[in-house]
């Protein structure tokens, strides 16, 4: 059986900033998929904030 341990504690700030940064980077690199990734990351952001 595989045991997966968490390497370090992830802060709330990192959990909030990650979807924002990913959305910005994807929007700059692949503008055609920006709405799809934006909605996905918006859902992740709502889950972390609320």
C-alpha atoms as a PDB file:
ATOM      1  CA  UNK A   1       0.000   0.000   0.000  1.00  0.00           C
ATOM      2  CA  UNK A   2       1.324   3.444  -0.925  1.00  0.00           C
ATOM      3  CA  UNK A   3       1.447   6.097   1.789  1.00  0.00           C
ATOM      4  CA  UNK A   4       1.536   9.664   0.545  1.00  0.00           C
ATOM      5  CA  UNK A   5       2.706  12.186   3.107  1.00  0.00           C
ATOM      6  CA  UNK A   6       2.310  15.907   2.635  1.00  0.00           C
ATOM      7  CA  UNK A   7       5.725  17.491   2.099  1.00  0.00           C
ATOM      8  CA  UNK A   8       4.859  20.837   3.618  1.00  0.00           C
ATOM      9  CA  UNK A   9       1.919  22.851   4.884  1.00  0.00           C
ATOM     10  CA  UNK A  10       0.332  24.929   2.115  1.00  0.00           C
ATOM     11  CA  UNK A  11      -0.798  28.344   3.303  1.00  0.00           C
ATOM     12  CA  UNK A  12      -4.217  29.835   2.603  1.00  0.00           C
ATOM     13  CA  UNK A  13      -2.543  32.619   0.618  1.00  0.00           C
ATOM     14  CA  UNK A  14      -0.979  30.063  -1.738  1.00  0.00           C
ATOM     15  CA  UNK A  15      -4.309  28.295  -2.172  1.00  0.00           C
ATOM     16  CA  UNK A  16      -5.945  31.599  -3.136  1.00  0.00           C
ATOM     17  CA  UNK A  17      -3.195  32.963  -5.393  1.00  0.00           C
ATOM     18  CA  UNK A  18      -2.689  29.735  -7.405  1.00  0.00           C
ATOM     19  CA  UNK A  19      -5.962  29.867  -9.423  1.00  0.00           C
ATOM     20  CA  UNK A  20      -5.426  33.556 -10.136  1.00  0.00           C
ATOM     21  CA  UNK A  21      -1.889  33.054 -11.453  1.00  0.00           C
ATOM     22  CA  UNK A  22      -2.850  30.007 -13.529  1.00  0.00           C
ATOM     23  CA  UNK A  23      -5.740  31.890 -15.127  1.00  0.00           C
ATOM     24  CA  UNK A  24      -3.520  34.837 -16.037  1.00  0.00           C
ATOM     25  CA  UNK A  25      -0.759  32.639 -17.481  1.00  0.00           C
ATOM     26  CA  UNK A  26      -3.137  30.493 -19.523  1.00  0.00           C
ATOM     27  CA  UNK A  27      -4.946  33.587 -20.800  1.00  0.00           C
ATOM     28  CA  UNK A  28      -1.662  35.012 -22.055  1.00  0.00           C
ATOM     29  CA  UNK A  29      -0.424  31.764 -23.611  1.00  0.00           C
ATOM     30  CA  UNK A  30      -3.677  30.272 -24.953  1.00  0.00           C
ATOM     31  CA  UNK A  31      -6.397  32.912 -25.210  1.00  0.00           C
ATOM     32  CA  UNK A  32      -8.877  30.542 -26.877  1.00  0.00           C
ATOM     33  CA  UNK A  33      -9.130  28.298 -23.773  1.00  0.00           C
ATOM     34  CA  UNK A  34      -9.160  31.172 -21.279  1.00  0.00           C
ATOM     35  CA  UNK A  35     -12.921  30.950 -20.534  1.00  0.00           C
ATOM     36  CA  UNK A  36     -12.728  27.225 -19.810  1.00  0.00           C
ATOM     37  CA  UNK A  37      -9.705  27.486 -17.510  1.00  0.00           C
ATOM     38  CA  UNK A  38     -11.126  30.666 -15.986  1.00  0.00           C
ATOM     39  CA  UNK A  39     -14.334  28.924 -14.922  1.00  0.00           C
ATOM     40  CA  UNK A  40     -12.408  25.920 -13.595  1.00  0.00           C
ATOM     41  CA  UNK A  41     -10.110  28.119 -11.521  1.00  0.00           C
ATOM     42  CA  UNK A  42     -13.019  30.301 -10.388  1.00  0.00           C
ATOM     43  CA  UNK A  43     -14.649  27.198  -8.916  1.00  0.00           C
ATOM     44  CA  UNK A  44     -11.397  26.313  -7.140  1.00  0.00           C
ATOM     45  CA  UNK A  45     -11.109  29.870  -5.841  1.00  0.00           C
ATOM     46  CA  UNK A  46     -14.681  29.844  -4.485  1.00  0.00           C
ATOM     47  CA  UNK A  47     -14.040  26.518  -2.762  1.00  0.00           C
ATOM     48  CA  UNK A  48     -10.907  27.857  -1.015  1.00  0.00           C
ATOM     49  CA  UNK A  49     -12.314  31.246  -0.005  1.00  0.00           C
ATOM     50  CA  UNK A  50     -15.708  30.139   1.279  1.00  0.00           C
END
